[in-house]
Amino acid sequence: MSDVYDSPAWKEFMGPVTRILERIGLLFCVDAIPAFAAGTLSLKPMEFINLSLPPGIRSKAENIMLLMLLPANLAKGLAQKKYYNFAAAFELNDLSTTGILLTQPNNIDNL
């Protein structure tokens, strides 16, 4: 397996890879990073990586979508669940149920 496209889980959930982009697969990532060189504050960026982009460009900063920043010391473990629930309820439910209206056909040749 050399990429997410090769995995059985991708093929089962997203269907076969097609030349024209019909669905977008997003990977949700959260990790703590130091906000300043002094190490006085850490942040947890909540971001999405578009797995439907080719491997060479999907992890470039301009293609990563930032959902929100949480201070790392705000809450730990299960206490953070309310922030994730907020993001899901107010930011992601509409995206999941309604989707995105494209004004132009989008395909891999336009990348």
C-alpha atoms as a PDB file:
ATOM      1  CA  MET A   1       0.000   0.000   0.000  1.00  0.00           C
ATOM      2  CA  SER A   2       1.602   3.277  -1.060  1.00  0.00           C
ATOM      3  CA  ASP A   3      -1.246   5.729  -0.431  1.00  0.00           C
ATOM      4  CA  VAL A   4      -4.658   6.049   1.181  1.00  0.00           C
ATOM      5  CA  TYR A   5      -6.243   5.385  -2.234  1.00  0.00           C
ATOM      6  CA  ASP A   6      -4.811   1.849  -2.133  1.00  0.00           C
ATOM      7  CA  SER A   7      -6.388   0.883   1.181  1.00  0.00           C
ATOM      8  CA  PRO A   8      -9.438  -1.385   1.315  1.00  0.00           C
ATOM      9  CA  ALA A   9     -11.104   1.040   3.769  1.00  0.00           C
ATOM     10  CA  TRP A  10     -10.840   3.919   1.252  1.00  0.00           C
ATOM     11  CA  LYS A  11     -12.278   1.814  -1.548  1.00  0.00           C
ATOM     12  CA  GLU A  12     -15.120   0.566   0.662  1.00  0.00           C
ATOM     13  CA  PHE A  13     -16.072   3.979   2.032  1.00  0.00           C
ATOM     14  CA  MET A  14     -15.232   6.297  -0.896  1.00  0.00           C
ATOM     15  CA  GLY A  15     -15.689   3.945  -3.819  1.00  0.00           C
ATOM     16  CA  PRO A  16     -13.235   3.440  -6.636  1.00  0.00           C
ATOM     17  CA  VAL A  17     -10.859   6.222  -7.617  1.00  0.00           C
ATOM     18  CA  THR A  18     -12.267   8.179 -10.569  1.00  0.00           C
ATOM     19  CA  ARG A  19     -10.741  10.776 -12.861  1.00  0.00           C
ATOM     20  CA  ILE A  20     -13.480  13.328 -12.098  1.00  0.00           C
ATOM     21  CA  LEU A  21     -13.696  14.280  -8.429  1.00  0.00           C
ATOM     22  CA  GLU A  22     -17.143  13.417  -7.054  1.00  0.00           C
ATOM     23  CA  ARG A  23     -16.445  13.113  -3.317  1.00  0.00           C
ATOM     24  CA  ILE A  24     -13.935  14.676  -0.963  1.00  0.00           C
ATOM     25  CA  GLY A  25     -12.282  12.644   1.790  1.00  0.00           C
ATOM     26  CA  LEU A  26     -11.020  14.668   4.761  1.00  0.00           C
ATOM     27  CA  LEU A  27      -8.608  13.577   7.487  1.00  0.00           C
ATOM     28  CA  PHE A  28      -9.175  15.324  10.839  1.00  0.00           C
ATOM     29  CA  CYS A  29      -5.967  16.062  12.770  1.00  0.00           C
ATOM     30  CA  VAL A  30      -5.277  17.562  16.207  1.00  0.00           C
ATOM     31  CA  ASP A  31      -1.860  17.914  17.805  1.00  0.00           C
ATOM     32  CA  ALA A  32      -0.287  20.311  20.281  1.00  0.00           C
ATOM     33  CA  ILE A  33       2.353  22.729  19.000  1.00  0.00           C
ATOM     34  CA  PRO A  34       4.317  25.478  20.776  1.00  0.00           C
ATOM     35  CA  ALA A  35       2.794  28.871  19.984  1.00  0.00           C
ATOM     36  CA  PHE A  36       5.994  30.813  20.734  1.00  0.00           C
ATOM     37  CA  ALA A  37       9.711  30.041  20.724  1.00  0.00           C
ATOM     38  CA  ALA A  38       9.817  30.607  24.490  1.00  0.00           C
ATOM     39  CA  GLY A  39       7.481  27.631  24.986  1.00  0.00           C
ATOM     40  CA  THR A  40       5.120  29.612  27.208  1.00  0.00           C
ATOM     41  CA  LEU A  41       1.920  28.522  25.450  1.00  0.00           C
ATOM     42  CA  SER A  42       0.890  25.500  23.420  1.00  0.00           C
ATOM     43  CA  LEU A  43      -1.987  25.393  20.957  1.00  0.00           C
ATOM     44  CA  LYS A  44      -3.939  22.527  19.462  1.00  0.00           C
ATOM     45  CA  PRO A  45      -4.851  23.288  15.849  1.00  0.00           C
ATOM     46  CA  MET A  46      -7.875  21.313  14.666  1.00  0.00           C
ATOM     47  CA  GLU A  47      -7.427  20.889  10.922  1.00  0.00           C
ATOM     48  CA  PHE A  48      -8.491  18.887   7.914  1.00  0.00           C
ATOM     49  CA  ILE A  49      -6.255  17.408   5.238  1.00  0.00           C
ATOM     50  CA  ASN A  50      -7.975  16.814   1.905  1.00  0.00           C
ATOM     51  CA  LEU A  51      -7.169  13.193   1.040  1.00  0.00           C
ATOM     52  CA  SER A  52      -8.791  13.631  -2.361  1.00  0.00           C
ATOM     53  CA  LEU A  53      -5.837  15.757  -3.467  1.00  0.00           C
ATOM     54  CA  PRO A  54      -2.746  14.101  -4.945  1.00  0.00           C
ATOM     55  CA  PRO A  55      -0.215  13.006  -2.277  1.00  0.00           C
ATOM     56  CA  GLY A  56       2.383  15.588  -3.316  1.00  0.00           C
ATOM     57  CA  ILE A  57       0.175  18.607  -2.548  1.00  0.00           C
ATOM     58  CA  ARG A  58      -2.320  17.493   0.118  1.00  0.00           C
ATOM     59  CA  SER A  59      -0.029  18.351   3.048  1.00  0.00           C
ATOM     60  CA  LYS A  60       1.069  21.781   1.802  1.00  0.00           C
ATOM     61  CA  ALA A  61       0.004  24.566   4.163  1.00  0.00           C
ATOM     62  CA  GLU A  62      -2.208  26.242   1.539  1.00  0.00           C
ATOM     63  CA  ASN A  63      -4.254  23.029   1.174  1.00  0.00           C
ATOM     64  CA  ILE A  64      -4.804  22.326   4.882  1.00  0.00           C
ATOM     65  CA  MET A  65      -8.061  23.687   6.298  1.00  0.00           C
ATOM     66  CA  LEU A  66      -7.930  25.063   9.839  1.00  0.00           C
ATOM     67  CA  LEU A  67     -11.145  24.547  11.816  1.00  0.00           C
ATOM     68  CA  MET A  68     -10.158  26.083  15.165  1.00  0.00           C
ATOM     69  CA  LEU A  69      -7.321  26.605  17.640  1.00  0.00           C
ATOM     70  CA  LEU A  70      -7.612  25.401  21.235  1.00  0.00           C
ATOM     71  CA  PRO A  71      -5.169  26.349  23.995  1.00  0.00           C
ATOM     72  CA  ALA A  72      -3.538  23.058  25.007  1.00  0.00           C
ATOM     73  CA  ASN A  73      -4.052  23.755  28.711  1.00  0.00           C
ATOM     74  CA  LEU A  74      -7.761  24.604  28.312  1.00  0.00           C
ATOM     75  CA  ALA A  75      -8.909  21.051  28.841  1.00  0.00           C
ATOM     76  CA  LYS A  76      -7.543  17.533  28.751  1.00  0.00           C
ATOM     77  CA  GLY A  77      -8.939  14.233  27.504  1.00  0.00           C
ATOM     78  CA  LEU A  78     -12.695  13.887  27.894  1.00  0.00           C
ATOM     79  CA  ALA A  79     -13.000  17.522  29.018  1.00  0.00           C
ATOM     80  CA  GLN A  80     -12.127  18.548  25.463  1.00  0.00           C
ATOM     81  CA  LYS A  81     -15.144  16.658  24.126  1.00  0.00           C
ATOM     82  CA  LYS A  82     -17.410  19.713  24.460  1.00  0.00           C
ATOM     83  CA  TYR A  83     -15.152  21.656  22.070  1.00  0.00           C
ATOM     84  CA  TYR A  84     -15.173  18.840  19.524  1.00  0.00           C
ATOM     85  CA  ASN A  85     -18.950  18.544  19.882  1.00  0.00           C
ATOM     86  CA  PHE A  86     -19.304  22.297  19.308  1.00  0.00           C
ATOM     87  CA  ALA A  87     -17.223  22.107  16.148  1.00  0.00           C
ATOM     88  CA  ALA A  88     -19.251  19.150  14.887  1.00  0.00           C
ATOM     89  CA  ALA A  89     -22.645  20.708  15.664  1.00  0.00           C
ATOM     90  CA  PHE A  90     -22.022  24.241  14.420  1.00  0.00           C
ATOM     91  CA  GLU A  91     -19.399  23.791  11.731  1.00  0.00           C
ATOM     92  CA  LEU A  92     -19.499  20.281  10.295  1.00  0.00           C
ATOM     93  CA  ASN A  93     -23.116  19.045  10.374  1.00  0.00           C
ATOM     94  CA  ASP A  94     -24.146  21.418   7.584  1.00  0.00           C
ATOM     95  CA  LEU A  95     -21.116  20.409   5.532  1.00  0.00           C
ATOM     96  CA  SER A  96     -21.987  16.746   6.023  1.00  0.00           C
ATOM     97  CA  THR A  97     -25.712  17.005   5.270  1.00  0.00           C
ATOM     98  CA  THR A  98     -25.787  19.848   2.722  1.00  0.00           C
ATOM     99  CA  GLY A  99     -22.334  19.707   1.177  1.00  0.00           C
ATOM    100  CA  ILE A 100     -20.678  22.410  -0.889  1.00  0.00           C
ATOM    101  CA  LEU A 101     -22.236  23.971  -3.959  1.00  0.00           C
ATOM    102  CA  LEU A 102     -19.678  24.055  -6.732  1.00  0.00           C
ATOM    103  CA  THR A 103     -20.068  26.814  -9.288  1.00  0.00           C
ATOM    104  CA  GLN A 104     -17.854  25.039 -11.803  1.00  0.00           C
ATOM    105  CA  PRO A 105     -17.187  21.378 -12.462  1.00  0.00           C
ATOM    106  CA  ASN A 106     -14.145  20.323 -10.492  1.00  0.00           C
ATOM    107  CA  ASN A 107     -11.762  17.661 -11.694  1.00  0.00           C
ATOM    108  CA  ILE A 108      -8.207  16.611 -11.098  1.00  0.00           C
ATOM    109  CA  ASP A 109      -6.968  18.425 -14.239  1.00  0.00           C
ATOM    110  CA  ASN A 110      -7.710  21.790 -12.563  1.00  0.00           C
ATOM    111  CA  LEU A 111      -5.159  21.251  -9.757  1.00  0.00           C
END
